[in-house]
Every structure is written in C-alpha cells, then in structure tokens.
Amino acid sequence: MFRGKKYQESAKLIDRTKLYDPKEAMELVQQTAKAKFDESVEIHVKLGVDPRHADQQVRGVVVLPHGTGKTLKVLVFAKGDKAKEAEAAGADYVGAEELVAKIQGENWFDYDVVVATPDMMGVVGRLGKILGPKGLMPNPKSGTVTFDVEKAINEIKAGKVEYRVDKTSIIHVGFGKVSFGTEKLLDNFKTLMEAVIKAKPAAAKGTYLKSVVVTSTMGPAIKINPTRVTD
C-alpha cells in the first residue's frame, strides 16, 4: 500500500514493536500528526468478547472532561413543552412527524445525534432502517430516549461520546483533537478507558483488553500497553 511522504516520516518516529505508556502515546500522536488541519485523535480497542452473544455486548456513554473538540449538531423529536425545552437548551433541530417526512423524503442527515422523548418513539420507529445503520437511532441505553431533553442536549454539547463494540470486537471512538495537548488528551483517554473497563460483561472470559491503539486522522497507529491504560 502506498503511503505519502509525511506519513512515512511520521511512521519513523514510532517503534512498531513497542507498547507505549499512555502519556508517551499522547505525545507521539501530536508529533506524528502532519496534516494542515487540526486532526482528530481516535482510539481503537480490541476486546476479548464475542459480540454475537447478547451477554457480551459492550456499549455505553461517557462525558469526556475536555469534550471532543467537535460541536455536534443535535436533532430532537419532541412536542409541546418538551420541544420548547429542547430549543431553549440549544438543540439544532426540533420537530415531530414533519422531520420524519424530511428524513424519509430527502435522505436528510445534517445532524450528529438524535434525541427523542419516549412518547415520540412510535413515530421515530419508522426511521429504524434509515437511522439504525448510521448509528443514529435514539436509544435509552445511550441516554437519547428521555424526557429530560435539556440534560441530554447539555451532555452531548459538553462532549458525551457513545462507545460500542462492533462485530469484529473493536470499539472505535474519537476522543479529542491534536491541538488539545498531552494533558487534556490523557484525561479524556483515561476517562474513556475507565468506562470501557467498567463495562466489562460478566460473561467475558480471558483477557478483556486485547489491544489498544491511538492514531490521529492521518497519522500512523501507536500501540499502548493494555495493562497501563489507567496509569
């Protein structure tokens, strides 16, 4: 696979045989980010679970102390007072059946998170086949089906992220920007890893954290020692 000159230069800074401590990894991810834009920093965690089994699913939400560096657009399905509450809390789009029609008719996706009040889920359910594959379907487990729309919006805007294991047993989450610097990236990383460790299913056997890798949007992978993730 052909890699650009900048990527090749960055890759030389990394010892591929080494498992780095988290702090070293956060320093390296900044040194190896060579793009002209502020690259996102992502984590990829391989877990020792079999996601085909319901009792080995790993998913949850966590509010990162320093946010993600992205301002997420929030769409809220609500009516009446709850619609007014959502607007006051800073939702980007608020509506009901008319938004369902817009999404179905126009393939409209100008939002990052969808929140719905429980009484709206009958209407929102019609969008399952459209929102589901994109991971946008509101879900009580992720706090996006709730009557407390103000709290949900505030947390999302403050940097709440959802993590969930995919069918290859890997969790992929963006947890900041290169411009955050070492300490903020480290804080976010530890907060996220603590949440993932806490979410370990009782049915999971053997090694839970198989591998932990961080990377910037355009940079090479940096392997972290799985036994040191919360140091």
C-alpha atoms as a PDB file:
ATOM      1  CA  MET A   1       0.000   0.000   0.000  1.00  0.00           C
ATOM      2  CA  PHE A   2       1.437   3.378  -0.997  1.00  0.00           C
ATOM      3  CA  ARG A   3       1.859   5.866   1.848  1.00  0.00           C
ATOM      4  CA  GLY A   4       2.571   9.569   1.443  1.00  0.00           C
ATOM      5  CA  LYS A   5       5.899  11.158   2.366  1.00  0.00           C
ATOM      6  CA  LYS A   6       4.514  12.811   5.527  1.00  0.00           C
ATOM      7  CA  TYR A   7       3.050   9.501   6.746  1.00  0.00           C
ATOM      8  CA  GLN A   8       6.372   7.729   6.126  1.00  0.00           C
ATOM      9  CA  GLU A   9       8.239  10.441   8.086  1.00  0.00           C
ATOM     10  CA  SER A  10       5.766  10.115  10.967  1.00  0.00           C
ATOM     11  CA  ALA A  11       5.985   6.316  10.967  1.00  0.00           C
ATOM     12  CA  LYS A  12       9.762   6.547  11.554  1.00  0.00           C
ATOM     13  CA  LEU A  13       9.077   8.149  14.937  1.00  0.00           C
ATOM     14  CA  ILE A  14       7.222   5.058  16.150  1.00  0.00           C
ATOM     15  CA  ASP A  15       8.734   1.763  17.291  1.00  0.00           C
ATOM     16  CA  ARG A  16       6.211  -0.780  15.982  1.00  0.00           C
ATOM     17  CA  THR A  17       7.489  -3.455  18.378  1.00  0.00           C
ATOM     18  CA  LYS A  18       6.899  -1.307  21.466  1.00  0.00           C
ATOM     19  CA  LEU A  19       3.832  -0.932  23.675  1.00  0.00           C
ATOM     20  CA  TYR A  20       3.839   2.681  24.845  1.00  0.00           C
ATOM     21  CA  ASP A  21       2.624   4.155  28.112  1.00  0.00           C
ATOM     22  CA  PRO A  22      -0.454   6.409  27.623  1.00  0.00           C
ATOM     23  CA  LYS A  23       1.468   9.658  28.197  1.00  0.00           C
ATOM     24  CA  GLU A  24       4.171   8.735  25.673  1.00  0.00           C
ATOM     25  CA  ALA A  25       1.455   7.785  23.173  1.00  0.00           C
ATOM     26  CA  MET A  26      -0.324  11.154  23.568  1.00  0.00           C
ATOM     27  CA  GLU A  27       2.969  12.963  22.967  1.00  0.00           C
ATOM     28  CA  LEU A  28       3.701  10.826  19.906  1.00  0.00           C
ATOM     29  CA  VAL A  29       0.239  11.273  18.395  1.00  0.00           C
ATOM     30  CA  GLN A  30       0.895  15.030  18.352  1.00  0.00           C
ATOM     31  CA  GLN A  31       4.375  14.653  16.840  1.00  0.00           C
ATOM     32  CA  THR A  32       3.121  12.346  14.080  1.00  0.00           C
ATOM     33  CA  ALA A  33       0.120  14.479  13.058  1.00  0.00           C
ATOM     34  CA  LYS A  34       1.396  16.324   9.979  1.00  0.00           C
ATOM     35  CA  ALA A  35      -1.817  17.431   8.250  1.00  0.00           C
ATOM     36  CA  LYS A  36      -2.601  21.108   7.693  1.00  0.00           C
ATOM     37  CA  PHE A  37      -5.840  20.802   9.703  1.00  0.00           C
ATOM     38  CA  ASP A  38      -6.397  20.041  13.396  1.00  0.00           C
ATOM     39  CA  GLU A  39      -6.555  16.248  13.247  1.00  0.00           C
ATOM     40  CA  SER A  40      -8.913  14.243  15.440  1.00  0.00           C
ATOM     41  CA  VAL A  41      -7.407  11.683  17.812  1.00  0.00           C
ATOM     42  CA  GLU A  42      -9.063   8.274  17.817  1.00  0.00           C
ATOM     43  CA  ILE A  43      -8.835   5.139  19.918  1.00  0.00           C
ATOM     44  CA  HIS A  44      -9.324   1.577  18.687  1.00  0.00           C
ATOM     45  CA  VAL A  45      -9.722  -1.067  21.402  1.00  0.00           C
ATOM     46  CA  LYS A  46      -9.813  -4.783  20.567  1.00  0.00           C
ATOM     47  CA  LEU A  47     -11.809  -6.585  23.274  1.00  0.00           C
ATOM     48  CA  GLY A  48     -11.829 -10.220  24.344  1.00  0.00           C
ATOM     49  CA  VAL A  49     -15.584 -10.550  23.894  1.00  0.00           C
ATOM     50  CA  ASP A  50     -17.813 -12.286  21.366  1.00  0.00           C
ATOM     51  CA  PRO A  51     -20.351  -9.619  20.328  1.00  0.00           C
ATOM     52  CA  ARG A  52     -22.567 -12.280  18.693  1.00  0.00           C
ATOM     53  CA  HIS A  53     -23.729 -13.116  22.222  1.00  0.00           C
ATOM     54  CA  ALA A  54     -26.156 -10.679  23.869  1.00  0.00           C
ATOM     55  CA  ASP A  55     -24.435 -11.074  27.255  1.00  0.00           C
ATOM     56  CA  GLN A  56     -21.086  -9.985  25.778  1.00  0.00           C
ATOM     57  CA  GLN A  57     -22.189  -6.692  24.254  1.00  0.00           C
ATOM     58  CA  VAL A  58     -20.156  -3.687  25.371  1.00  0.00           C
ATOM     59  CA  ARG A  59     -21.706  -0.266  24.955  1.00  0.00           C
ATOM     60  CA  GLY A  60     -22.218   2.854  26.980  1.00  0.00           C
ATOM     61  CA  VAL A  61     -21.752   6.582  27.139  1.00  0.00           C
ATOM     62  CA  VAL A  62     -19.245   8.805  28.878  1.00  0.00           C
ATOM     63  CA  VAL A  63     -18.822  12.577  29.124  1.00  0.00           C
ATOM     64  CA  LEU A  64     -15.208  13.444  28.290  1.00  0.00           C
ATOM     65  CA  PRO A  65     -13.774  16.078  30.675  1.00  0.00           C
ATOM     66  CA  HIS A  66     -12.466  18.222  27.803  1.00  0.00           C
ATOM     67  CA  GLY A  67     -15.072  17.397  25.152  1.00  0.00           C
ATOM     68  CA  THR A  68     -14.213  16.050  21.715  1.00  0.00           C
ATOM     69  CA  GLY A  69     -13.229  19.288  20.002  1.00  0.00           C
ATOM     70  CA  LYS A  70     -16.273  18.964  17.740  1.00  0.00           C
ATOM     71  CA  THR A  71     -19.546  20.817  18.140  1.00  0.00           C
ATOM     72  CA  LEU A  72     -22.181  18.206  17.496  1.00  0.00           C
ATOM     73  CA  LYS A  73     -25.499  19.027  15.847  1.00  0.00           C
ATOM     74  CA  VAL A  74     -28.439  17.657  17.816  1.00  0.00           C
ATOM     75  CA  LEU A  75     -31.844  16.769  16.367  1.00  0.00           C
ATOM     76  CA  VAL A  76     -34.671  16.348  18.890  1.00  0.00           C
ATOM     77  CA  PHE A  77     -38.022  14.668  18.315  1.00  0.00           C
ATOM     78  CA  ALA A  78     -40.419  16.271  20.806  1.00  0.00           C
ATOM     79  CA  LYS A  79     -43.714  18.140  21.030  1.00  0.00           C
ATOM     80  CA  GLY A  80     -45.224  20.919  23.141  1.00  0.00           C
ATOM     81  CA  ASP A  81     -43.306  21.947  26.252  1.00  0.00           C
ATOM     82  CA  LYS A  82     -40.558  19.400  25.585  1.00  0.00           C
ATOM     83  CA  ALA A  83     -39.987  20.906  22.118  1.00  0.00           C
ATOM     84  CA  LYS A  84     -39.665  24.357  23.741  1.00  0.00           C
ATOM     85  CA  GLU A  85     -37.267  22.913  26.346  1.00  0.00           C
ATOM     86  CA  ALA A  86     -35.139  21.413  23.567  1.00  0.00           C
ATOM     87  CA  GLU A  87     -34.986  24.725  21.684  1.00  0.00           C
ATOM     88  CA  ALA A  88     -34.034  26.605  24.866  1.00  0.00           C
ATOM     89  CA  ALA A  89     -31.284  24.049  25.604  1.00  0.00           C
ATOM     90  CA  GLY A  90     -29.675  24.668  22.202  1.00  0.00           C
ATOM     91  CA  ALA A  91     -30.925  21.820  20.014  1.00  0.00           C
ATOM     92  CA  ASP A  92     -30.108  22.473  16.352  1.00  0.00           C
ATOM     93  CA  TYR A  93     -33.337  20.961  15.036  1.00  0.00           C
ATOM     94  CA  VAL A  94     -36.599  20.238  16.867  1.00  0.00           C
ATOM     95  CA  GLY A  95     -39.755  18.701  15.441  1.00  0.00           C
ATOM     96  CA  ALA A  96     -42.010  15.671  15.100  1.00  0.00           C
ATOM     97  CA  GLU A  97     -43.719  13.979  12.117  1.00  0.00           C
ATOM     98  CA  GLU A  98     -42.527  16.671   9.689  1.00  0.00           C
ATOM     99  CA  LEU A  99     -38.889  15.751  10.437  1.00  0.00           C
ATOM    100  CA  VAL A 100     -39.640  12.061   9.858  1.00  0.00           C
ATOM    101  CA  ALA A 101     -41.027  13.000   6.423  1.00  0.00           C
ATOM    102  CA  LYS A 102     -37.963  15.165   5.699  1.00  0.00           C
ATOM    103  CA  ILE A 103     -35.551  12.344   6.594  1.00  0.00           C
ATOM    104  CA  GLN A 104     -37.530   9.778   4.580  1.00  0.00           C
ATOM    105  CA  GLY A 105     -38.116  12.031   1.585  1.00  0.00           C
ATOM    106  CA  GLU A 106     -34.827  13.920   1.335  1.00  0.00           C
ATOM    107  CA  ASN A 107     -32.339  11.470   2.887  1.00  0.00           C
ATOM    108  CA  TRP A 108     -31.504  14.324   5.254  1.00  0.00           C
ATOM    109  CA  PHE A 109     -28.562  13.794   7.644  1.00  0.00           C
ATOM    110  CA  ASP A 110     -27.375  17.254   8.692  1.00  0.00           C
ATOM    111  CA  TYR A 111     -27.042  16.241  12.384  1.00  0.00           C
ATOM    112  CA  ASP A 112     -24.749  14.089  14.521  1.00  0.00           C
ATOM    113  CA  VAL A 113     -27.008  12.873  17.356  1.00  0.00           C
ATOM    114  CA  VAL A 114     -30.751  12.193  17.550  1.00  0.00           C
ATOM    115  CA  VAL A 115     -32.667  12.565  20.835  1.00  0.00           C
ATOM    116  CA  ALA A 116     -36.335  11.645  21.304  1.00  0.00           C
ATOM    117  CA  THR A 117     -38.836  11.824  24.139  1.00  0.00           C
ATOM    118  CA  PRO A 118     -40.300   8.363  24.918  1.00  0.00           C
ATOM    119  CA  ASP A 119     -43.766   9.358  23.628  1.00  0.00           C
ATOM    120  CA  MET A 120     -42.224  10.096  20.204  1.00  0.00           C
ATOM    121  CA  MET A 121     -40.583   6.696  19.727  1.00  0.00           C
ATOM    122  CA  GLY A 122     -43.645   5.300  17.911  1.00  0.00           C
ATOM    123  CA  VAL A 123     -43.101   7.959  15.250  1.00  0.00           C
ATOM    124  CA  VAL A 124     -39.287   7.740  15.269  1.00  0.00           C
ATOM    125  CA  GLY A 125     -39.512   3.939  14.962  1.00  0.00           C
ATOM    126  CA  ARG A 126     -40.457   4.395  11.315  1.00  0.00           C
ATOM    127  CA  LEU A 127     -36.898   5.616  10.727  1.00  0.00           C
ATOM    128  CA  GLY A 128     -35.234   2.479  12.108  1.00  0.00           C
ATOM    129  CA  LYS A 129     -33.981   1.254   8.732  1.00  0.00           C
ATOM    130  CA  ILE A 130     -32.586   4.714   7.876  1.00  0.00           C
ATOM    131  CA  LEU A 131     -31.097   5.835  11.209  1.00  0.00           C
ATOM    132  CA  GLY A 132     -30.143   2.385  12.539  1.00  0.00           C
ATOM    133  CA  PRO A 133     -27.320   1.568  10.078  1.00  0.00           C
ATOM    134  CA  LYS A 134     -25.779   5.005  10.710  1.00  0.00           C
ATOM    135  CA  GLY A 135     -25.852   4.527  14.495  1.00  0.00           C
ATOM    136  CA  LEU A 136     -28.253   7.466  14.869  1.00  0.00           C
ATOM    137  CA  MET A 137     -31.321   5.700  16.283  1.00  0.00           C
ATOM    138  CA  PRO A 138     -32.243   7.082  19.741  1.00  0.00           C
ATOM    139  CA  ASN A 139     -31.641   4.510  22.464  1.00  0.00           C
ATOM    140  CA  PRO A 140     -32.444   4.521  26.216  1.00  0.00           C
ATOM    141  CA  LYS A 141     -29.031   2.918  26.955  1.00  0.00           C
ATOM    142  CA  SER A 142     -27.208   5.874  25.443  1.00  0.00           C
ATOM    143  CA  GLY A 143     -29.464   8.406  27.166  1.00  0.00           C
ATOM    144  CA  THR A 144     -31.012   9.615  23.911  1.00  0.00           C
ATOM    145  CA  VAL A 145     -34.559   8.440  24.697  1.00  0.00           C
ATOM    146  CA  THR A 146     -35.535  10.645  27.630  1.00  0.00           C
ATOM    147  CA  PHE A 147     -37.991  13.242  28.884  1.00  0.00           C
ATOM    148  CA  ASP A 148     -35.018  15.170  30.330  1.00  0.00           C
ATOM    149  CA  VAL A 149     -34.112  16.650  26.951  1.00  0.00           C
ATOM    150  CA  GLU A 150     -32.257  19.600  28.471  1.00  0.00           C
ATOM    151  CA  LYS A 151     -29.814  17.299  30.296  1.00  0.00           C
ATOM    152  CA  ALA A 152     -29.356  15.118  27.198  1.00  0.00           C
ATOM    153  CA  ILE A 153     -28.558  18.122  24.987  1.00  0.00           C
ATOM    154  CA  ASN A 154     -26.195  19.674  27.556  1.00  0.00           C
ATOM    155  CA  GLU A 155     -24.236  16.431  27.900  1.00  0.00           C
ATOM    156  CA  ILE A 156     -23.961  15.928  24.137  1.00  0.00           C
ATOM    157  CA  LYS A 157     -22.775  19.502  23.618  1.00  0.00           C
ATOM    158  CA  ALA A 158     -20.310  19.120  26.523  1.00  0.00           C
ATOM    159  CA  GLY A 159     -18.628  16.121  24.916  1.00  0.00           C
ATOM    160  CA  LYS A 160     -20.633  12.980  25.634  1.00  0.00           C
ATOM    161  CA  VAL A 161     -19.498  10.107  23.440  1.00  0.00           C
ATOM    162  CA  GLU A 162     -21.006   6.696  22.895  1.00  0.00           C
ATOM    163  CA  TYR A 163     -18.806   3.629  22.650  1.00  0.00           C
ATOM    164  CA  ARG A 164     -19.991   0.259  21.387  1.00  0.00           C
ATOM    165  CA  VAL A 165     -18.229  -2.881  20.286  1.00  0.00           C
ATOM    166  CA  ASP A 166     -18.619  -3.690  16.599  1.00  0.00           C
ATOM    167  CA  LYS A 167     -18.986  -7.162  15.083  1.00  0.00           C
ATOM    168  CA  THR A 168     -15.186  -7.538  14.926  1.00  0.00           C
ATOM    169  CA  SER A 169     -14.966  -6.966  18.727  1.00  0.00           C
ATOM    170  CA  ILE A 170     -13.444  -3.490  18.317  1.00  0.00           C
ATOM    171  CA  ILE A 171     -14.506  -0.165  19.833  1.00  0.00           C
ATOM    172  CA  HIS A 172     -13.673   2.957  17.751  1.00  0.00           C
ATOM    173  CA  VAL A 173     -14.058   6.393  19.399  1.00  0.00           C
ATOM    174  CA  GLY A 174     -12.755   9.895  18.689  1.00  0.00           C
ATOM    175  CA  PHE A 175     -11.668  11.486  21.967  1.00  0.00           C
ATOM    176  CA  GLY A 176     -10.147  14.838  21.098  1.00  0.00           C
ATOM    177  CA  LYS A 177      -8.042  16.915  18.747  1.00  0.00           C
ATOM    178  CA  VAL A 178      -4.272  17.128  18.320  1.00  0.00           C
ATOM    179  CA  SER A 179      -4.442  20.771  19.490  1.00  0.00           C
ATOM    180  CA  PHE A 180      -5.684  19.661  22.947  1.00  0.00           C
ATOM    181  CA  GLY A 181      -2.124  18.916  24.064  1.00  0.00           C
ATOM    182  CA  THR A 182      -0.858  15.984  26.127  1.00  0.00           C
ATOM    183  CA  GLU A 183      -2.666  16.557  29.438  1.00  0.00           C
ATOM    184  CA  LYS A 184      -6.167  17.045  28.014  1.00  0.00           C
ATOM    185  CA  LEU A 185      -5.801  14.097  25.638  1.00  0.00           C
ATOM    186  CA  LEU A 186      -4.567  11.967  28.540  1.00  0.00           C
ATOM    187  CA  ASP A 187      -7.515  12.998  30.744  1.00  0.00           C
ATOM    188  CA  ASN A 188     -10.008  12.123  28.005  1.00  0.00           C
ATOM    189  CA  PHE A 189      -8.229   8.850  27.204  1.00  0.00           C
ATOM    190  CA  LYS A 190      -8.246   7.687  30.840  1.00  0.00           C
ATOM    191  CA  THR A 191     -11.894   8.670  31.360  1.00  0.00           C
ATOM    192  CA  LEU A 192     -12.882   6.685  28.268  1.00  0.00           C
ATOM    193  CA  MET A 193     -10.774   3.637  29.159  1.00  0.00           C
ATOM    194  CA  GLU A 194     -12.109   3.560  32.731  1.00  0.00           C
ATOM    195  CA  ALA A 195     -15.663   3.492  31.327  1.00  0.00           C
ATOM    196  CA  VAL A 196     -14.820   0.660  28.894  1.00  0.00           C
ATOM    197  CA  ILE A 197     -13.169  -1.381  31.666  1.00  0.00           C
ATOM    198  CA  LYS A 198     -16.161  -0.813  33.971  1.00  0.00           C
ATOM    199  CA  ALA A 199     -18.477  -2.051  31.182  1.00  0.00           C
ATOM    200  CA  LYS A 200     -16.765  -5.458  31.029  1.00  0.00           C
ATOM    201  CA  PRO A 201     -19.506  -8.112  30.735  1.00  0.00           C
ATOM    202  CA  ALA A 202     -19.590 -10.820  33.414  1.00  0.00           C
ATOM    203  CA  ALA A 203     -19.690 -13.412  30.597  1.00  0.00           C
ATOM    204  CA  ALA A 204     -16.367 -12.235  29.099  1.00  0.00           C
ATOM    205  CA  LYS A 205     -13.590 -14.770  29.758  1.00  0.00           C
ATOM    206  CA  GLY A 206      -9.823 -14.427  29.450  1.00  0.00           C
ATOM    207  CA  THR A 207      -8.050 -11.188  28.553  1.00  0.00           C
ATOM    208  CA  TYR A 208     -10.521  -8.309  28.210  1.00  0.00           C
ATOM    209  CA  LEU A 209      -8.270  -5.614  26.702  1.00  0.00           C
ATOM    210  CA  LYS A 210      -6.537  -7.398  23.813  1.00  0.00           C
ATOM    211  CA  SER A 211      -5.017  -4.306  22.194  1.00  0.00           C
ATOM    212  CA  VAL A 212      -5.280  -0.527  22.495  1.00  0.00           C
ATOM    213  CA  VAL A 213      -4.224   1.718  19.623  1.00  0.00           C
ATOM    214  CA  VAL A 214      -4.387   5.503  19.202  1.00  0.00           C
ATOM    215  CA  THR A 215      -3.996   7.402  15.979  1.00  0.00           C
ATOM    216  CA  SER A 216      -4.611  10.844  14.535  1.00  0.00           C
ATOM    217  CA  THR A 217      -6.820  11.205  11.442  1.00  0.00           C
ATOM    218  CA  MET A 218      -3.911  10.959   9.000  1.00  0.00           C
ATOM    219  CA  GLY A 219      -1.188   9.570  11.255  1.00  0.00           C
ATOM    220  CA  PRO A 220       0.188   6.085  11.938  1.00  0.00           C
ATOM    221  CA  ALA A 221      -1.051   3.742  14.688  1.00  0.00           C
ATOM    222  CA  ILE A 222       0.552   3.889  18.134  1.00  0.00           C
ATOM    223  CA  LYS A 223       0.143   0.805  20.323  1.00  0.00           C
ATOM    224  CA  ILE A 224      -0.488   1.319  24.044  1.00  0.00           C
ATOM    225  CA  ASN A 225       0.288  -1.199  26.773  1.00  0.00           C
ATOM    226  CA  PRO A 226      -3.217  -2.503  27.727  1.00  0.00           C
ATOM    227  CA  THR A 227      -2.088  -3.062  31.350  1.00  0.00           C
ATOM    228  CA  ARG A 228      -1.175   0.618  31.758  1.00  0.00           C
ATOM    229  CA  VAL A 229      -4.250   2.375  30.272  1.00  0.00           C
ATOM    230  CA  THR A 230      -5.403   3.965  33.539  1.00  0.00           C
ATOM    231  CA  ASP A 231      -1.924   4.835  34.911  1.00  0.00           C
END
